[in-house]
Amino acid sequence: MKNTQLFLSILALAAASTSAQAELALGVGVAGYLNPQKGLDVREQIFPLISYTSDRLSFQFTTLSYRLVFLGDLHINALASVRSQGYDSNDSQYLAGMKDRDDTLDGGIGFDWKGINLSLSHDLLSTHKGSELSLTYNHGFDLGKLQLSLGAGINWQSKELTNYYYGVNESEAKTFIADGKLFNRTAYHVKSTYIPKANIFMNYAITNSWALISGAEINFLPKEITNSPIVDENTSWAVFSGITRSF
């Protein structure tokens, strides 16, 4: 199973939190995550954590950002980010016979203002051919060596994006035996939808250079997605912990 998009998004945010005052941060961690497709179990993965930050250019794991405009507290950025939301048909017996869904590269623009982030992105490689609008708010708490951040937001995803990853084409509709039971995979087309989300991040400074980090994020999937015959979860989530060194 390829990495879930949710897993990558929290790693990017975690990398950003470790490098707020450092040009370069390197680390390693472990994560667990759940994709909503039917028949998939919780997955675990060890991962590297790489972040670079300068006045205008920053890179957090899979997201590249270039600051175009400074207007006081308002920053306008050009963005490019890997969307690793694909799957292979052999990942689950309920997906057998379907076309693989591929990863892609999204690009767009983001606006940051006092903890509020608004971004609009579009598929640059014409894989899902869709768009996503994301609005999030994160609030930080300074507790000495412990830095805590709580966040919430909502994503709007176009029908092209949601249908590519959660829909079933007519040619993929099939009735067969899965887990010893008859499974009817009917054709299903997903409409554009809104996905609420919430997250928490923690950064504990061991020394001036070393830090322990951890975090979690959850997406609350709407009925437009959960009604798909290949989806059997109401949420998708990811948790992680790791250690980083800033330079």
C-alpha atoms as a PDB file:
ATOM      1  CA  MET A   1       0.000   0.000   0.000  1.00  0.00           C
ATOM      2  CA  LYS A   2       1.323   3.391  -0.896  1.00  0.00           C
ATOM      3  CA  ASN A   3       1.610   6.096   1.757  1.00  0.00           C
ATOM      4  CA  THR A   4      -1.648   7.776   2.615  1.00  0.00           C
ATOM      5  CA  GLN A   5      -1.956  11.472   1.838  1.00  0.00           C
ATOM      6  CA  LEU A   6      -2.923  12.116   5.455  1.00  0.00           C
ATOM      7  CA  PHE A   7       0.290  10.440   6.644  1.00  0.00           C
ATOM      8  CA  LEU A   8       2.403  12.670   4.409  1.00  0.00           C
ATOM      9  CA  SER A   9       0.547  15.852   5.350  1.00  0.00           C
ATOM     10  CA  ILE A  10       1.166  15.492   9.074  1.00  0.00           C
ATOM     11  CA  LEU A  11       4.829  14.693   8.456  1.00  0.00           C
ATOM     12  CA  ALA A  12       5.176  17.869   6.413  1.00  0.00           C
ATOM     13  CA  LEU A  13       3.588  19.897   9.214  1.00  0.00           C
ATOM     14  CA  ALA A  14       5.782  18.176  11.778  1.00  0.00           C
ATOM     15  CA  ALA A  15       8.906  18.966   9.797  1.00  0.00           C
ATOM     16  CA  ALA A  16       7.839  22.597   9.564  1.00  0.00           C
ATOM     17  CA  SER A  17       7.362  22.765  13.336  1.00  0.00           C
ATOM     18  CA  THR A  18      10.880  21.449  13.970  1.00  0.00           C
ATOM     19  CA  SER A  19      12.580  23.923  11.665  1.00  0.00           C
ATOM     20  CA  ALA A  20      10.954  27.235  12.537  1.00  0.00           C
ATOM     21  CA  GLN A  21      14.308  28.613  13.703  1.00  0.00           C
ATOM     22  CA  ALA A  22      16.686  26.331  11.820  1.00  0.00           C
ATOM     23  CA  GLU A  23      17.737  26.203   8.192  1.00  0.00           C
ATOM     24  CA  LEU A  24      17.989  22.408   8.229  1.00  0.00           C
ATOM     25  CA  ALA A  25      16.419  19.688  10.394  1.00  0.00           C
ATOM     26  CA  LEU A  26      16.993  15.944  10.009  1.00  0.00           C
ATOM     27  CA  GLY A  27      15.308  13.132  11.875  1.00  0.00           C
ATOM     28  CA  VAL A  28      13.752   9.691  11.914  1.00  0.00           C
ATOM     29  CA  GLY A  29      10.426   8.463  13.217  1.00  0.00           C
ATOM     30  CA  VAL A  30       7.728   5.810  13.142  1.00  0.00           C
ATOM     31  CA  ALA A  31       4.097   6.224  12.106  1.00  0.00           C
ATOM     32  CA  GLY A  32       0.875   4.268  12.057  1.00  0.00           C
ATOM     33  CA  TYR A  33      -1.966   5.112   9.691  1.00  0.00           C
ATOM     34  CA  LEU A  34      -5.286   3.850   8.401  1.00  0.00           C
ATOM     35  CA  ASN A  35      -6.635   4.258   4.885  1.00  0.00           C
ATOM     36  CA  PRO A  36     -10.428   3.980   4.470  1.00  0.00           C
ATOM     37  CA  GLN A  37     -10.481   1.479   1.592  1.00  0.00           C
ATOM     38  CA  LYS A  38     -12.169  -1.823   2.418  1.00  0.00           C
ATOM     39  CA  GLY A  39      -9.923  -4.657   3.566  1.00  0.00           C
ATOM     40  CA  LEU A  40      -6.933  -2.516   4.536  1.00  0.00           C
ATOM     41  CA  ASP A  41      -5.402  -2.806   7.999  1.00  0.00           C
ATOM     42  CA  VAL A  42      -3.519  -0.276  10.091  1.00  0.00           C
ATOM     43  CA  ARG A  43      -0.026   0.115   8.625  1.00  0.00           C
ATOM     44  CA  GLU A  44       3.234   1.051  10.332  1.00  0.00           C
ATOM     45  CA  GLN A  45       6.268   2.660   8.719  1.00  0.00           C
ATOM     46  CA  ILE A  46       9.682   4.003   9.670  1.00  0.00           C
ATOM     47  CA  PHE A  47      10.411   7.239   7.809  1.00  0.00           C
ATOM     48  CA  PRO A  48      13.084   9.936   7.444  1.00  0.00           C
ATOM     49  CA  LEU A  49      12.236  13.504   8.377  1.00  0.00           C
ATOM     50  CA  ILE A  50      13.932  16.211   6.307  1.00  0.00           C
ATOM     51  CA  SER A  51      13.206  19.920   6.433  1.00  0.00           C
ATOM     52  CA  TYR A  52      14.871  23.016   5.040  1.00  0.00           C
ATOM     53  CA  THR A  53      13.830  26.622   5.682  1.00  0.00           C
ATOM     54  CA  SER A  54      15.172  29.944   4.399  1.00  0.00           C
ATOM     55  CA  ASP A  55      13.672  33.422   4.048  1.00  0.00           C
ATOM     56  CA  ARG A  56      11.668  32.463   0.973  1.00  0.00           C
ATOM     57  CA  LEU A  57      12.243  28.775   0.160  1.00  0.00           C
ATOM     58  CA  SER A  58      11.187  25.893   2.380  1.00  0.00           C
ATOM     59  CA  PHE A  59      10.925  22.132   1.981  1.00  0.00           C
ATOM     60  CA  GLN A  60       9.059  19.919   4.435  1.00  0.00           C
ATOM     61  CA  PHE A  61       9.187  16.225   3.586  1.00  0.00           C
ATOM     62  CA  THR A  62       7.068  16.229   0.399  1.00  0.00           C
ATOM     63  CA  THR A  63       6.013  19.877   0.188  1.00  0.00           C
ATOM     64  CA  LEU A  64       7.987  22.651  -1.504  1.00  0.00           C
ATOM     65  CA  SER A  65       7.016  26.249  -0.787  1.00  0.00           C
ATOM     66  CA  TYR A  66       8.328  29.538  -2.167  1.00  0.00           C
ATOM     67  CA  ARG A  67       7.241  32.777  -0.512  1.00  0.00           C
ATOM     68  CA  LEU A  68       6.099  35.210  -3.183  1.00  0.00           C
ATOM     69  CA  VAL A  69       4.803  38.140  -1.137  1.00  0.00           C
ATOM     70  CA  PHE A  70       5.270  39.523   2.398  1.00  0.00           C
ATOM     71  CA  LEU A  71       2.450  41.830   3.525  1.00  0.00           C
ATOM     72  CA  GLY A  72       3.025  42.165   7.255  1.00  0.00           C
ATOM     73  CA  ASP A  73       1.590  39.035   8.848  1.00  0.00           C
ATOM     74  CA  LEU A  74       0.202  37.856   5.507  1.00  0.00           C
ATOM     75  CA  HIS A  75       2.451  35.563   3.445  1.00  0.00           C
ATOM     76  CA  ILE A  76       1.558  34.382  -0.058  1.00  0.00           C
ATOM     77  CA  ASN A  77       3.340  31.214  -1.196  1.00  0.00           C
ATOM     78  CA  ALA A  78       3.668  29.122  -4.334  1.00  0.00           C
ATOM     79  CA  LEU A  79       3.267  25.447  -3.422  1.00  0.00           C
ATOM     80  CA  ALA A  80       4.092  22.026  -4.872  1.00  0.00           C
ATOM     81  CA  SER A  81       3.243  18.843  -2.981  1.00  0.00           C
ATOM     82  CA  VAL A  82       3.236  15.104  -3.628  1.00  0.00           C
ATOM     83  CA  ARG A  83      -0.221  13.532  -3.360  1.00  0.00           C
ATOM     84  CA  SER A  84       0.498   9.960  -2.295  1.00  0.00           C
ATOM     85  CA  GLN A  85      -3.082   8.740  -2.097  1.00  0.00           C
ATOM     86  CA  GLY A  86      -2.888   5.968  -4.675  1.00  0.00           C
ATOM     87  CA  TYR A  87      -3.364   2.252  -4.241  1.00  0.00           C
ATOM     88  CA  ASP A  88      -2.663  -0.980  -6.097  1.00  0.00           C
ATOM     89  CA  SER A  89      -5.424  -3.445  -6.893  1.00  0.00           C
ATOM     90  CA  ASN A  90      -3.582  -6.181  -4.986  1.00  0.00           C
ATOM     91  CA  ASP A  91      -3.579  -4.171  -1.742  1.00  0.00           C
ATOM     92  CA  SER A  92      -6.933  -5.725  -0.803  1.00  0.00           C
ATOM     93  CA  GLN A  93      -9.067  -8.529  -2.208  1.00  0.00           C
ATOM     94  CA  TYR A  94     -11.949  -6.038  -2.327  1.00  0.00           C
ATOM     95  CA  LEU A  95      -9.923  -3.950  -4.807  1.00  0.00           C
ATOM     96  CA  ALA A  96      -9.011  -6.918  -7.032  1.00  0.00           C
ATOM     97  CA  GLY A  97      -9.615  -6.248 -10.711  1.00  0.00           C
ATOM     98  CA  MET A  98      -9.666  -2.468 -10.355  1.00  0.00           C
ATOM     99  CA  LYS A  99      -7.227  -0.159 -12.087  1.00  0.00           C
ATOM    100  CA  ASP A 100      -4.396   1.047  -9.887  1.00  0.00           C
ATOM    101  CA  ARG A 101      -4.757   4.605  -8.628  1.00  0.00           C
ATOM    102  CA  ASP A 102      -1.528   6.586  -9.037  1.00  0.00           C
ATOM    103  CA  ASP A 103       0.218   9.239  -6.980  1.00  0.00           C
ATOM    104  CA  THR A 104       0.652  12.679  -8.484  1.00  0.00           C
ATOM    105  CA  LEU A 105       2.080  16.163  -7.954  1.00  0.00           C
ATOM    106  CA  ASP A 106      -0.256  18.976  -6.910  1.00  0.00           C
ATOM    107  CA  GLY A 107       0.655  22.630  -7.301  1.00  0.00           C
ATOM    108  CA  GLY A 108      -0.993  25.870  -6.302  1.00  0.00           C
ATOM    109  CA  ILE A 109      -0.936  28.889  -4.025  1.00  0.00           C
ATOM    110  CA  GLY A 110      -1.253  29.340  -0.271  1.00  0.00           C
ATOM    111  CA  PHE A 111      -2.073  32.236   2.058  1.00  0.00           C
ATOM    112  CA  ASP A 112      -0.809  32.291   5.677  1.00  0.00           C
ATOM    113  CA  TRP A 113      -2.036  34.796   8.240  1.00  0.00           C
ATOM    114  CA  LYS A 114      -1.726  34.475  12.040  1.00  0.00           C
ATOM    115  CA  GLY A 115      -2.205  30.718  12.130  1.00  0.00           C
ATOM    116  CA  ILE A 116      -4.806  30.640   9.366  1.00  0.00           C
ATOM    117  CA  ASN A 117      -3.813  28.853   6.172  1.00  0.00           C
ATOM    118  CA  LEU A 118      -5.814  28.861   2.951  1.00  0.00           C
ATOM    119  CA  SER A 119      -4.480  26.942  -0.044  1.00  0.00           C
ATOM    120  CA  LEU A 120      -5.726  26.004  -3.488  1.00  0.00           C
ATOM    121  CA  SER A 121      -4.033  23.235  -5.465  1.00  0.00           C
ATOM    122  CA  HIS A 122      -4.559  21.387  -8.749  1.00  0.00           C
ATOM    123  CA  ASP A 123      -3.205  18.163 -10.230  1.00  0.00           C
ATOM    124  CA  LEU A 124      -0.133  19.134 -12.277  1.00  0.00           C
ATOM    125  CA  LEU A 125       0.303  15.706 -13.917  1.00  0.00           C
ATOM    126  CA  SER A 126      -3.336  15.169 -15.006  1.00  0.00           C
ATOM    127  CA  THR A 127      -3.635  12.008 -12.898  1.00  0.00           C
ATOM    128  CA  HIS A 128      -6.876  12.711 -11.036  1.00  0.00           C
ATOM    129  CA  LYS A 129      -7.358  16.032 -12.893  1.00  0.00           C
ATOM    130  CA  GLY A 130      -8.994  17.567  -9.859  1.00  0.00           C
ATOM    131  CA  SER A 131      -8.521  20.375  -7.346  1.00  0.00           C
ATOM    132  CA  GLU A 132      -8.485  20.855  -3.583  1.00  0.00           C
ATOM    133  CA  LEU A 133      -9.225  23.901  -1.431  1.00  0.00           C
ATOM    134  CA  SER A 134      -7.965  23.671   2.138  1.00  0.00           C
ATOM    135  CA  LEU A 135      -8.670  25.945   5.121  1.00  0.00           C
ATOM    136  CA  THR A 136      -6.932  25.270   8.453  1.00  0.00           C
ATOM    137  CA  TYR A 137      -6.261  27.065  11.718  1.00  0.00           C
ATOM    138  CA  ASN A 138      -3.447  26.110  14.097  1.00  0.00           C
ATOM    139  CA  HIS A 139      -2.863  27.635  17.525  1.00  0.00           C
ATOM    140  CA  GLY A 140       0.410  27.151  19.373  1.00  0.00           C
ATOM    141  CA  PHE A 141       1.075  26.985  23.118  1.00  0.00           C
ATOM    142  CA  ASP A 142       4.514  27.685  24.616  1.00  0.00           C
ATOM    143  CA  LEU A 143       4.941  25.440  27.663  1.00  0.00           C
ATOM    144  CA  GLY A 144       8.671  25.873  28.209  1.00  0.00           C
ATOM    145  CA  LYS A 145      10.517  22.979  26.612  1.00  0.00           C
ATOM    146  CA  LEU A 146       7.216  21.648  25.272  1.00  0.00           C
ATOM    147  CA  GLN A 147       5.654  23.330  22.247  1.00  0.00           C
ATOM    148  CA  LEU A 148       2.039  22.275  21.641  1.00  0.00           C
ATOM    149  CA  SER A 149      -0.078  23.013  18.557  1.00  0.00           C
ATOM    150  CA  LEU A 150      -3.790  22.281  18.101  1.00  0.00           C
ATOM    151  CA  GLY A 151      -5.445  22.629  14.734  1.00  0.00           C
ATOM    152  CA  ALA A 152      -8.687  22.119  12.841  1.00  0.00           C
ATOM    153  CA  GLY A 153      -9.892  22.741   9.329  1.00  0.00           C
ATOM    154  CA  ILE A 154     -11.796  21.557   6.317  1.00  0.00           C
ATOM    155  CA  ASN A 155     -10.865  20.452   2.804  1.00  0.00           C
ATOM    156  CA  TRP A 156     -13.042  20.796  -0.268  1.00  0.00           C
ATOM    157  CA  GLN A 157     -12.180  18.237  -2.943  1.00  0.00           C
ATOM    158  CA  SER A 158     -13.516  18.323  -6.496  1.00  0.00           C
ATOM    159  CA  LYS A 159     -15.470  15.397  -7.914  1.00  0.00           C
ATOM    160  CA  GLU A 160     -12.550  14.524 -10.205  1.00  0.00           C
ATOM    161  CA  LEU A 161     -10.243  14.058  -7.205  1.00  0.00           C
ATOM    162  CA  THR A 162     -12.651  12.171  -4.925  1.00  0.00           C
ATOM    163  CA  ASN A 163     -14.013   9.962  -7.681  1.00  0.00           C
ATOM    164  CA  TYR A 164     -10.529   8.949  -8.823  1.00  0.00           C
ATOM    165  CA  TYR A 165      -9.490   7.635  -5.392  1.00  0.00           C
ATOM    166  CA  TYR A 166     -12.827   6.464  -3.942  1.00  0.00           C
ATOM    167  CA  GLY A 167     -15.073   5.779  -6.942  1.00  0.00           C
ATOM    168  CA  VAL A 168     -15.747   2.585  -8.888  1.00  0.00           C
ATOM    169  CA  ASN A 169     -15.964   2.792 -12.676  1.00  0.00           C
ATOM    170  CA  GLU A 170     -18.585   0.780 -14.570  1.00  0.00           C
ATOM    171  CA  SER A 171     -15.827  -1.449 -15.983  1.00  0.00           C
ATOM    172  CA  GLU A 172     -14.673  -2.203 -12.415  1.00  0.00           C
ATOM    173  CA  ALA A 173     -18.083  -3.272 -11.101  1.00  0.00           C
ATOM    174  CA  LYS A 174     -18.024  -6.958 -10.205  1.00  0.00           C
ATOM    175  CA  THR A 175     -19.607  -9.568  -7.923  1.00  0.00           C
ATOM    176  CA  PHE A 176     -17.200 -12.080  -6.369  1.00  0.00           C
ATOM    177  CA  ILE A 177     -16.225 -13.936  -3.204  1.00  0.00           C
ATOM    178  CA  ALA A 178     -14.125 -11.988  -0.662  1.00  0.00           C
ATOM    179  CA  ASP A 179     -13.365 -13.196   2.874  1.00  0.00           C
ATOM    180  CA  GLY A 180     -15.656 -16.149   2.220  1.00  0.00           C
ATOM    181  CA  LYS A 181     -18.666 -13.946   1.467  1.00  0.00           C
ATOM    182  CA  LEU A 182     -20.354 -12.681  -1.674  1.00  0.00           C
ATOM    183  CA  PHE A 183     -19.245  -9.089  -2.355  1.00  0.00           C
ATOM    184  CA  ASN A 184     -21.083  -6.889  -4.853  1.00  0.00           C
ATOM    185  CA  ARG A 185     -18.783  -4.080  -5.995  1.00  0.00           C
ATOM    186  CA  THR A 186     -21.245  -1.807  -7.736  1.00  0.00           C
ATOM    187  CA  ALA A 187     -20.316   1.174  -9.881  1.00  0.00           C
ATOM    188  CA  TYR A 188     -20.139   4.347  -7.799  1.00  0.00           C
ATOM    189  CA  HIS A 189     -19.313   7.932  -8.686  1.00  0.00           C
ATOM    190  CA  VAL A 190     -18.229  10.305  -5.907  1.00  0.00           C
ATOM    191  CA  LYS A 191     -19.265  13.945  -6.015  1.00  0.00           C
ATOM    192  CA  SER A 192     -17.261  16.901  -4.761  1.00  0.00           C
ATOM    193  CA  THR A 193     -17.177  16.903  -0.981  1.00  0.00           C
ATOM    194  CA  TYR A 194     -16.053  18.609   2.223  1.00  0.00           C
ATOM    195  CA  ILE A 195     -13.784  16.751   4.662  1.00  0.00           C
ATOM    196  CA  PRO A 196     -13.387  18.162   8.219  1.00  0.00           C
ATOM    197  CA  LYS A 197     -10.094  17.445  10.008  1.00  0.00           C
ATOM    198  CA  ALA A 198      -8.324  17.990  13.329  1.00  0.00           C
ATOM    199  CA  ASN A 199      -4.717  17.598  14.471  1.00  0.00           C
ATOM    200  CA  ILE A 200      -2.343  17.872  17.410  1.00  0.00           C
ATOM    201  CA  PHE A 201       1.476  18.284  17.387  1.00  0.00           C
ATOM    202  CA  MET A 202       4.019  18.270  20.189  1.00  0.00           C
ATOM    203  CA  ASN A 203       7.698  19.261  20.124  1.00  0.00           C
ATOM    204  CA  TYR A 204       9.812  18.656  23.228  1.00  0.00           C
ATOM    205  CA  ALA A 205      13.295  20.217  23.257  1.00  0.00           C
ATOM    206  CA  ILE A 206      15.867  17.793  24.662  1.00  0.00           C
ATOM    207  CA  THR A 207      18.712  20.230  23.926  1.00  0.00           C
ATOM    208  CA  ASN A 208      19.099  23.290  21.707  1.00  0.00           C
ATOM    209  CA  SER A 209      19.589  20.956  18.729  1.00  0.00           C
ATOM    210  CA  TRP A 210      17.690  17.753  19.563  1.00  0.00           C
ATOM    211  CA  ALA A 211      13.920  17.407  19.937  1.00  0.00           C
ATOM    212  CA  LEU A 212      11.287  14.719  20.374  1.00  0.00           C
ATOM    213  CA  ILE A 213       8.205  15.216  18.216  1.00  0.00           C
ATOM    214  CA  SER A 214       4.837  13.495  17.984  1.00  0.00           C
ATOM    215  CA  GLY A 215       1.462  14.184  16.473  1.00  0.00           C
ATOM    216  CA  ALA A 216      -1.796  12.905  15.093  1.00  0.00           C
ATOM    217  CA  GLU A 217      -4.395  13.927  12.549  1.00  0.00           C
ATOM    218  CA  ILE A 218      -7.852  12.626  11.725  1.00  0.00           C
ATOM    219  CA  ASN A 219     -10.139  13.201   8.740  1.00  0.00           C
ATOM    220  CA  PHE A 220     -13.896  12.784   9.142  1.00  0.00           C
ATOM    221  CA  LEU A 221     -15.156  11.290   5.885  1.00  0.00           C
ATOM    222  CA  PRO A 222     -18.593  12.378   4.611  1.00  0.00           C
ATOM    223  CA  LYS A 223     -21.256  10.057   3.215  1.00  0.00           C
ATOM    224  CA  GLU A 224     -20.255  10.922  -0.352  1.00  0.00           C
ATOM    225  CA  ILE A 225     -17.094   8.915   0.313  1.00  0.00           C
ATOM    226  CA  THR A 226     -18.275   6.348   2.887  1.00  0.00           C
ATOM    227  CA  ASN A 227     -21.168   5.227   0.640  1.00  0.00           C
ATOM    228  CA  SER A 228     -18.623   3.906  -1.862  1.00  0.00           C
ATOM    229  CA  PRO A 229     -18.559   0.072  -1.933  1.00  0.00           C
ATOM    230  CA  ILE A 230     -14.757   0.090  -1.595  1.00  0.00           C
ATOM    231  CA  VAL A 231     -14.789   2.236   1.581  1.00  0.00           C
ATOM    232  CA  ASP A 232     -15.650   0.833   5.027  1.00  0.00           C
ATOM    233  CA  GLU A 233     -14.249   3.476   7.407  1.00  0.00           C
ATOM    234  CA  ASN A 234     -15.825   6.754   8.553  1.00  0.00           C
ATOM    235  CA  THR A 235     -12.416   8.282   9.269  1.00  0.00           C
ATOM    236  CA  SER A 236      -8.841   8.145   8.090  1.00  0.00           C
ATOM    237  CA  TRP A 237      -6.074   8.903  10.588  1.00  0.00           C
ATOM    238  CA  ALA A 238      -2.347   8.873  11.208  1.00  0.00           C
ATOM    239  CA  VAL A 239      -0.142   9.094  14.314  1.00  0.00           C
ATOM    240  CA  PHE A 240       3.632   9.427  14.553  1.00  0.00           C
ATOM    241  CA  SER A 241       6.577  10.082  16.862  1.00  0.00           C
ATOM    242  CA  GLY A 242      10.233  10.729  16.157  1.00  0.00           C
ATOM    243  CA  ILE A 243      13.439  12.547  16.969  1.00  0.00           C
ATOM    244  CA  THR A 244      15.069  15.406  15.052  1.00  0.00           C
ATOM    245  CA  ARG A 245      18.293  17.394  15.075  1.00  0.00           C
ATOM    246  CA  SER A 246      18.357  21.023  13.936  1.00  0.00           C
ATOM    247  CA  PHE A 247      21.416  22.614  12.281  1.00  0.00           C
END
